[in-house]
């Protein structure tokens, strides 16, 4: 089903919808637009943004520690079962 066909179907539904359905549809569109406009990264404190940028750079450079190695280290350090 293409975009044009979907738009026609939605228009048909909107033309027969009651007030409750129209408010729901309106809220969905507003929520979608808000999600498209706001990048959560931009909402983070600058210090957190800097840490995330640094982390991505380290990951690209291969400076990673596998999860299993980290877990083994802390199991040993805290004498925890795993």
N, C-alpha and C. Protein backbone atom coordinates (compact mmCIF):
# COMPACT_ATOMS: atom_id res chain seq x y z
N UNK A 1 0.85 -1.17 0.00
CA UNK A 1 0.00 0.00 0.00
C UNK A 1 0.90 1.23 0.00
N UNK A 2 0.67 2.12 -0.93
CA UNK A 2 1.51 3.30 -1.07
C UNK A 2 1.03 4.46 -0.21
N UNK A 3 1.83 5.51 -0.20
CA UNK A 3 1.54 6.69 0.61
C UNK A 3 0.21 7.33 0.22
N UNK A 4 -0.02 7.47 -1.07
CA UNK A 4 -1.26 8.11 -1.53
C UNK A 4 -2.48 7.34 -1.06
N UNK A 5 -2.42 6.02 -1.17
CA UNK A 5 -3.54 5.19 -0.74
C UNK A 5 -3.76 5.30 0.77
N UNK A 6 -2.67 5.30 1.52
CA UNK A 6 -2.78 5.44 2.98
C UNK A 6 -3.41 6.78 3.35
N UNK A 7 -3.00 7.85 2.67
CA UNK A 7 -3.57 9.17 2.95
C UNK A 7 -5.07 9.18 2.67
N UNK A 8 -5.48 8.56 1.58
CA UNK A 8 -6.91 8.50 1.25
C UNK A 8 -7.69 7.76 2.34
N UNK A 9 -7.14 6.66 2.80
CA UNK A 9 -7.81 5.88 3.84
C UNK A 9 -7.91 6.69 5.13
N UNK A 10 -6.83 7.35 5.51
CA UNK A 10 -6.84 8.16 6.73
C UNK A 10 -7.85 9.29 6.60
N UNK A 11 -7.91 9.93 5.45
CA UNK A 11 -8.89 11.00 5.23
C UNK A 11 -10.31 10.49 5.41
N UNK A 12 -10.57 9.29 4.90
CA UNK A 12 -11.91 8.71 5.05
C UNK A 12 -12.24 8.50 6.53
N UNK A 13 -11.27 7.98 7.28
CA UNK A 13 -11.48 7.78 8.71
C UNK A 13 -11.70 9.10 9.44
N UNK A 14 -10.90 10.10 9.10
CA UNK A 14 -11.02 11.41 9.75
C UNK A 14 -12.39 12.02 9.47
N UNK A 15 -12.89 11.84 8.27
CA UNK A 15 -14.19 12.42 7.91
C UNK A 15 -15.34 11.83 8.71
N UNK A 16 -15.19 10.62 9.21
CA UNK A 16 -16.28 10.00 9.98
C UNK A 16 -15.96 9.89 11.47
N UNK A 17 -14.79 10.38 11.88
CA UNK A 17 -14.36 10.23 13.26
C UNK A 17 -15.12 11.17 14.19
N UNK A 18 -15.30 10.70 15.43
CA UNK A 18 -15.90 11.56 16.44
C UNK A 18 -14.80 12.40 17.12
N UNK A 19 -15.20 13.24 18.04
CA UNK A 19 -14.28 14.16 18.70
C UNK A 19 -13.15 13.43 19.44
N UNK A 20 -13.48 12.34 20.08
CA UNK A 20 -12.48 11.57 20.85
C UNK A 20 -11.38 11.05 19.93
N UNK A 21 -11.76 10.47 18.81
CA UNK A 21 -10.78 9.95 17.86
C UNK A 21 -9.94 11.08 17.27
N UNK A 22 -10.57 12.20 16.96
CA UNK A 22 -9.82 13.33 16.40
C UNK A 22 -8.79 13.86 17.39
N UNK A 23 -9.13 13.90 18.68
CA UNK A 23 -8.16 14.34 19.69
C UNK A 23 -6.99 13.35 19.77
N UNK A 24 -7.28 12.07 19.66
CA UNK A 24 -6.23 11.05 19.70
C UNK A 24 -5.30 11.21 18.50
N UNK A 25 -5.88 11.36 17.32
CA UNK A 25 -5.08 11.52 16.09
C UNK A 25 -4.23 12.78 16.19
N UNK A 26 -4.81 13.85 16.68
CA UNK A 26 -4.08 15.10 16.85
C UNK A 26 -2.89 14.90 17.79
N UNK A 27 -3.11 14.21 18.90
CA UNK A 27 -2.04 13.97 19.87
C UNK A 27 -0.93 13.12 19.26
N UNK A 28 -1.29 12.14 18.45
CA UNK A 28 -0.28 11.30 17.80
C UNK A 28 0.59 12.14 16.88
N UNK A 29 -0.04 12.98 16.07
CA UNK A 29 0.73 13.83 15.15
C UNK A 29 1.61 14.82 15.91
N UNK A 30 1.09 15.41 16.96
CA UNK A 30 1.88 16.37 17.74
C UNK A 30 3.06 15.68 18.40
N UNK A 31 2.83 14.49 18.92
CA UNK A 31 3.91 13.73 19.55
C UNK A 31 4.97 13.36 18.53
N UNK A 32 4.55 12.95 17.35
CA UNK A 32 5.49 12.59 16.29
C UNK A 32 6.33 13.80 15.88
N UNK A 33 5.68 14.95 15.71
CA UNK A 33 6.41 16.16 15.32
C UNK A 33 7.40 16.56 16.39
N UNK A 34 7.01 16.44 17.64
CA UNK A 34 7.89 16.81 18.74
C UNK A 34 9.12 15.90 18.75
N UNK A 35 8.92 14.61 18.54
CA UNK A 35 10.04 13.66 18.50
C UNK A 35 10.99 13.98 17.36
N UNK A 36 10.45 14.42 16.24
CA UNK A 36 11.28 14.73 15.08
C UNK A 36 12.10 16.00 15.30
N UNK A 37 11.57 16.94 16.08
CA UNK A 37 12.22 18.22 16.27
C UNK A 37 13.29 18.19 17.34
N UNK A 38 13.13 17.35 18.36
CA UNK A 38 14.02 17.36 19.51
C UNK A 38 14.95 16.16 19.47
N UNK A 39 16.23 16.44 19.56
CA UNK A 39 17.23 15.39 19.68
C UNK A 39 17.60 15.31 21.15
N UNK A 40 17.38 14.15 21.77
CA UNK A 40 17.61 14.03 23.20
C UNK A 40 19.04 14.41 23.57
N UNK A 41 19.98 14.18 22.68
CA UNK A 41 21.38 14.51 22.96
C UNK A 41 21.53 16.00 23.27
N UNK A 42 20.83 16.83 22.53
CA UNK A 42 20.91 18.28 22.73
C UNK A 42 20.33 18.71 24.08
N UNK A 43 19.50 17.86 24.66
CA UNK A 43 18.87 18.18 25.94
C UNK A 43 19.73 17.77 27.13
N UNK A 44 20.78 17.00 26.88
CA UNK A 44 21.66 16.54 27.96
C UNK A 44 22.60 17.65 28.41
N UNK A 45 23.04 17.59 29.68
CA UNK A 45 24.03 18.56 30.13
C UNK A 45 25.31 18.45 29.29
N UNK A 46 26.01 19.56 29.14
CA UNK A 46 27.20 19.60 28.30
C UNK A 46 28.26 18.58 28.75
N UNK A 47 28.41 18.41 30.06
CA UNK A 47 29.40 17.46 30.57
C UNK A 47 29.08 16.03 30.11
N UNK A 48 27.81 15.68 30.09
CA UNK A 48 27.38 14.35 29.63
C UNK A 48 27.61 14.22 28.14
N UNK A 49 27.28 15.27 27.38
CA UNK A 49 27.52 15.25 25.94
C UNK A 49 29.00 15.01 25.65
N UNK A 50 29.87 15.70 26.39
CA UNK A 50 31.31 15.54 26.18
C UNK A 50 31.75 14.11 26.46
N UNK A 51 31.22 13.52 27.53
CA UNK A 51 31.58 12.14 27.87
C UNK A 51 31.11 11.16 26.79
N UNK A 52 29.92 11.40 26.26
CA UNK A 52 29.40 10.51 25.21
C UNK A 52 30.21 10.63 23.93
N UNK A 53 30.59 11.85 23.58
CA UNK A 53 31.42 12.04 22.38
C UNK A 53 32.76 11.34 22.57
N UNK A 54 33.36 11.51 23.74
CA UNK A 54 34.64 10.86 24.03
C UNK A 54 34.49 9.33 23.99
N UNK A 55 33.41 8.82 24.53
CA UNK A 55 33.17 7.37 24.52
C UNK A 55 33.04 6.82 23.11
N UNK A 56 32.32 7.54 22.26
CA UNK A 56 32.18 7.09 20.86
C UNK A 56 33.52 7.07 20.16
N UNK A 57 34.35 8.08 20.42
CA UNK A 57 35.67 8.14 19.83
C UNK A 57 36.51 6.95 20.29
N UNK A 58 36.48 6.65 21.57
CA UNK A 58 37.22 5.52 22.11
C UNK A 58 36.74 4.21 21.49
N UNK A 59 35.44 4.08 21.33
CA UNK A 59 34.90 2.86 20.72
C UNK A 59 35.37 2.72 19.28
N UNK A 60 35.37 3.83 18.53
CA UNK A 60 35.84 3.78 17.14
C UNK A 60 37.32 3.42 17.06
N UNK A 61 38.07 3.78 18.10
CA UNK A 61 39.50 3.48 18.13
C UNK A 61 39.77 2.07 18.68
N UNK A 62 38.70 1.36 19.02
CA UNK A 62 38.87 0.00 19.52
C UNK A 62 39.25 -0.08 20.99
N UNK A 63 39.15 1.01 21.69
CA UNK A 63 39.50 1.04 23.11
C UNK A 63 38.30 0.60 23.95
N UNK A 64 38.01 -0.67 23.85
CA UNK A 64 36.85 -1.24 24.54
C UNK A 64 37.28 -2.38 25.45
N UNK A 65 36.51 -2.61 26.49
CA UNK A 65 36.71 -3.77 27.34
C UNK A 65 35.45 -4.62 27.23
N UNK A 66 35.58 -5.86 26.80
CA UNK A 66 34.39 -6.72 26.67
C UNK A 66 33.65 -6.86 28.00
N UNK A 67 32.35 -6.95 27.90
CA UNK A 67 31.49 -7.07 29.09
C UNK A 67 31.93 -8.22 29.98
N UNK A 68 32.25 -9.36 29.38
CA UNK A 68 32.63 -10.53 30.19
C UNK A 68 33.89 -10.25 31.00
N UNK A 69 34.83 -9.46 30.45
CA UNK A 69 36.04 -9.12 31.19
C UNK A 69 35.75 -8.19 32.37
N UNK A 70 34.88 -7.23 32.14
CA UNK A 70 34.51 -6.31 33.21
C UNK A 70 33.81 -7.08 34.33
N UNK A 71 32.89 -7.95 33.95
CA UNK A 71 32.17 -8.73 34.96
C UNK A 71 33.11 -9.64 35.73
N UNK A 72 34.04 -10.27 35.05
CA UNK A 72 35.00 -11.15 35.73
C UNK A 72 35.84 -10.36 36.73
N UNK A 73 36.25 -9.17 36.36
CA UNK A 73 37.06 -8.32 37.24
C UNK A 73 36.30 -8.01 38.53
N UNK A 74 35.04 -7.63 38.40
CA UNK A 74 34.27 -7.25 39.58
C UNK A 74 33.79 -8.45 40.38
N UNK A 75 33.60 -9.57 39.74
CA UNK A 75 33.27 -10.79 40.49
C UNK A 75 34.44 -11.18 41.38
N UNK A 76 35.64 -11.06 40.83
CA UNK A 76 36.84 -11.37 41.59
C UNK A 76 37.02 -10.35 42.72
N UNK A 77 36.89 -9.08 42.40
CA UNK A 77 37.11 -8.00 43.38
C UNK A 77 36.13 -8.10 44.55
N UNK A 78 34.88 -8.44 44.29
CA UNK A 78 33.85 -8.48 45.32
C UNK A 78 33.46 -9.89 45.72
N UNK A 79 34.24 -10.89 45.24
CA UNK A 79 33.99 -12.29 45.57
C UNK A 79 32.53 -12.66 45.34
N UNK A 80 32.04 -12.33 44.18
CA UNK A 80 30.64 -12.57 43.83
C UNK A 80 30.54 -13.75 42.87
N UNK A 81 29.46 -14.49 42.99
CA UNK A 81 29.20 -15.61 42.08
C UNK A 81 28.72 -15.08 40.75
N UNK A 82 28.95 -15.84 39.73
CA UNK A 82 28.50 -15.36 38.43
C UNK A 82 28.25 -16.48 37.55
